[in-house]
Amino acid sequence: MLPYIELATNNYQEIISDCNGAYCVYCLQKPIITEDSIIEITDISTVICPLCNVDAIVPASKVENFKQLALWHELGFGLDSLKKQLESILYSIKKNNLINVCI
């Protein structure tokens, strides 16, 4: 079993209760999810990421650091997917002039 799967399953209440928010294991981003958010739910109460539409949201307080999040992504979706997501993040940062990044 994937180490994050229990955190990403039937997690709506834990997500909205986490004062640190949530992370998406798939897109590696931090979507804003509150009780007032219009979000999709699957299964009984599994939150779907509003940024990438994948059901891989985990409570932020359960993620120790970005390295752990990236490892979970690699385990769940593969190394090629991880590389693509990181490239996408770097492209967005560079495109929006948030930081001078060389890809």
Protein backbone atom coordinates (compact mmCIF):
# COMPACT_ATOMS: atom_id res chain seq x y z
CA MET A 1 0.00 0.00 0.00
CA LEU A 2 1.19 3.52 -0.75
CA PRO A 3 2.34 5.35 2.39
CA TYR A 4 -0.02 8.30 1.81
CA ILE A 5 -3.12 6.44 0.63
CA GLU A 6 -4.96 6.57 3.98
CA LEU A 7 -4.32 10.32 4.16
CA ALA A 8 -5.73 10.80 0.65
CA THR A 9 -8.87 8.71 1.14
CA ASN A 10 -12.16 9.89 2.70
CA ASN A 11 -10.29 12.92 3.99
CA TYR A 12 -12.62 15.92 3.57
CA GLN A 13 -13.06 16.60 7.27
CA GLU A 14 -9.36 16.26 8.03
CA ILE A 15 -8.44 18.52 5.08
CA ILE A 16 -10.74 21.37 6.08
CA SER A 17 -9.73 20.99 9.74
CA ASP A 18 -5.99 21.23 9.03
CA CYS A 19 -4.89 24.78 9.82
CA ASN A 20 -1.89 24.27 7.50
CA GLY A 21 -4.09 23.48 4.52
CA ALA A 22 -3.46 20.65 2.08
CA TYR A 23 -1.01 19.42 -0.54
CA CYS A 24 -1.66 17.46 -3.69
CA VAL A 25 0.61 14.45 -4.07
CA TYR A 26 0.03 14.50 -7.84
CA CYS A 27 0.55 18.14 -8.86
CA LEU A 28 2.79 18.92 -5.84
CA GLN A 29 0.92 22.14 -5.20
CA LYS A 30 -1.02 23.58 -2.27
CA PRO A 31 -4.62 24.20 -3.32
CA ILE A 32 -6.86 26.30 -1.11
CA ILE A 33 -9.59 24.06 0.27
CA THR A 34 -12.04 25.36 2.87
CA GLU A 35 -15.62 24.62 3.87
CA ASP A 36 -16.63 27.48 1.54
CA SER A 37 -14.67 26.11 -1.43
CA ILE A 38 -16.50 24.52 -4.29
CA ILE A 39 -14.64 21.25 -4.59
CA GLU A 40 -15.32 17.83 -6.00
CA ILE A 41 -15.63 14.81 -3.73
CA THR A 42 -15.40 11.14 -4.70
CA ASP A 43 -16.02 7.92 -2.77
CA ILE A 44 -17.54 8.86 0.59
CA SER A 45 -15.53 12.04 1.27
CA THR A 46 -12.30 11.95 -0.75
CA VAL A 47 -11.24 15.43 -1.86
CA ILE A 48 -10.29 15.93 -5.52
CA CYS A 49 -7.61 18.53 -6.22
CA PRO A 50 -9.16 21.64 -7.80
CA LEU A 51 -5.86 22.33 -9.62
CA CYS A 52 -5.27 18.97 -11.35
CA ASN A 53 -8.48 16.97 -10.78
CA VAL A 54 -6.69 14.03 -9.13
CA ASP A 55 -7.79 12.51 -5.82
CA ALA A 56 -4.38 12.79 -4.17
CA ILE A 57 -4.93 15.54 -1.59
CA VAL A 58 -3.36 15.07 1.85
CA PRO A 59 -3.46 17.25 4.98
CA ALA A 60 -0.48 19.61 4.94
CA SER A 61 0.37 18.92 8.57
CA LYS A 62 1.08 15.29 7.61
CA VAL A 63 3.74 16.31 5.06
CA GLU A 64 7.13 16.79 6.70
CA ASN A 65 8.76 18.48 3.71
CA PHE A 66 8.74 18.75 -0.08
CA LYS A 67 11.12 15.81 -0.39
CA GLN A 68 8.53 13.55 1.27
CA LEU A 69 5.80 14.87 -1.02
CA ALA A 70 7.98 14.23 -4.08
CA LEU A 71 8.79 10.70 -2.88
CA TRP A 72 5.09 9.96 -2.42
CA HIS A 73 4.45 11.24 -5.95
CA GLU A 74 7.20 9.02 -7.36
CA LEU A 75 5.83 5.97 -5.52
CA GLY A 76 2.27 6.61 -6.65
CA PHE A 77 2.75 7.94 -10.16
CA GLY A 78 6.30 7.07 -11.26
CA LEU A 79 9.59 8.87 -11.80
CA ASP A 80 8.69 10.18 -15.27
CA SER A 81 5.55 11.79 -13.87
CA LEU A 82 7.56 13.37 -11.06
CA LYS A 83 10.01 14.87 -13.55
CA LYS A 84 7.15 16.28 -15.63
CA GLN A 85 5.47 17.84 -12.60
CA LEU A 86 8.72 19.43 -11.41
CA GLU A 87 9.39 20.79 -14.91
CA SER A 88 5.87 22.22 -14.98
CA ILE A 89 6.37 23.92 -11.61
CA LEU A 90 9.70 25.39 -12.70
CA TYR A 91 8.19 26.59 -15.98
CA SER A 92 5.35 28.33 -14.11
CA ILE A 93 7.78 29.99 -11.74
CA LYS A 94 9.93 31.22 -14.60
CA LYS A 95 6.96 32.28 -16.76
CA ASN A 96 5.47 34.33 -13.94
CA ASN A 97 8.84 35.90 -13.11
CA LEU A 98 8.62 34.63 -9.55
CA ILE A 99 12.29 33.68 -9.62
CA ASN A 100 15.03 33.50 -12.21
CA VAL A 101 15.22 29.76 -12.89
CA CYS A 102 17.26 27.91 -15.48
CA ILE A 103 15.56 24.70 -16.60
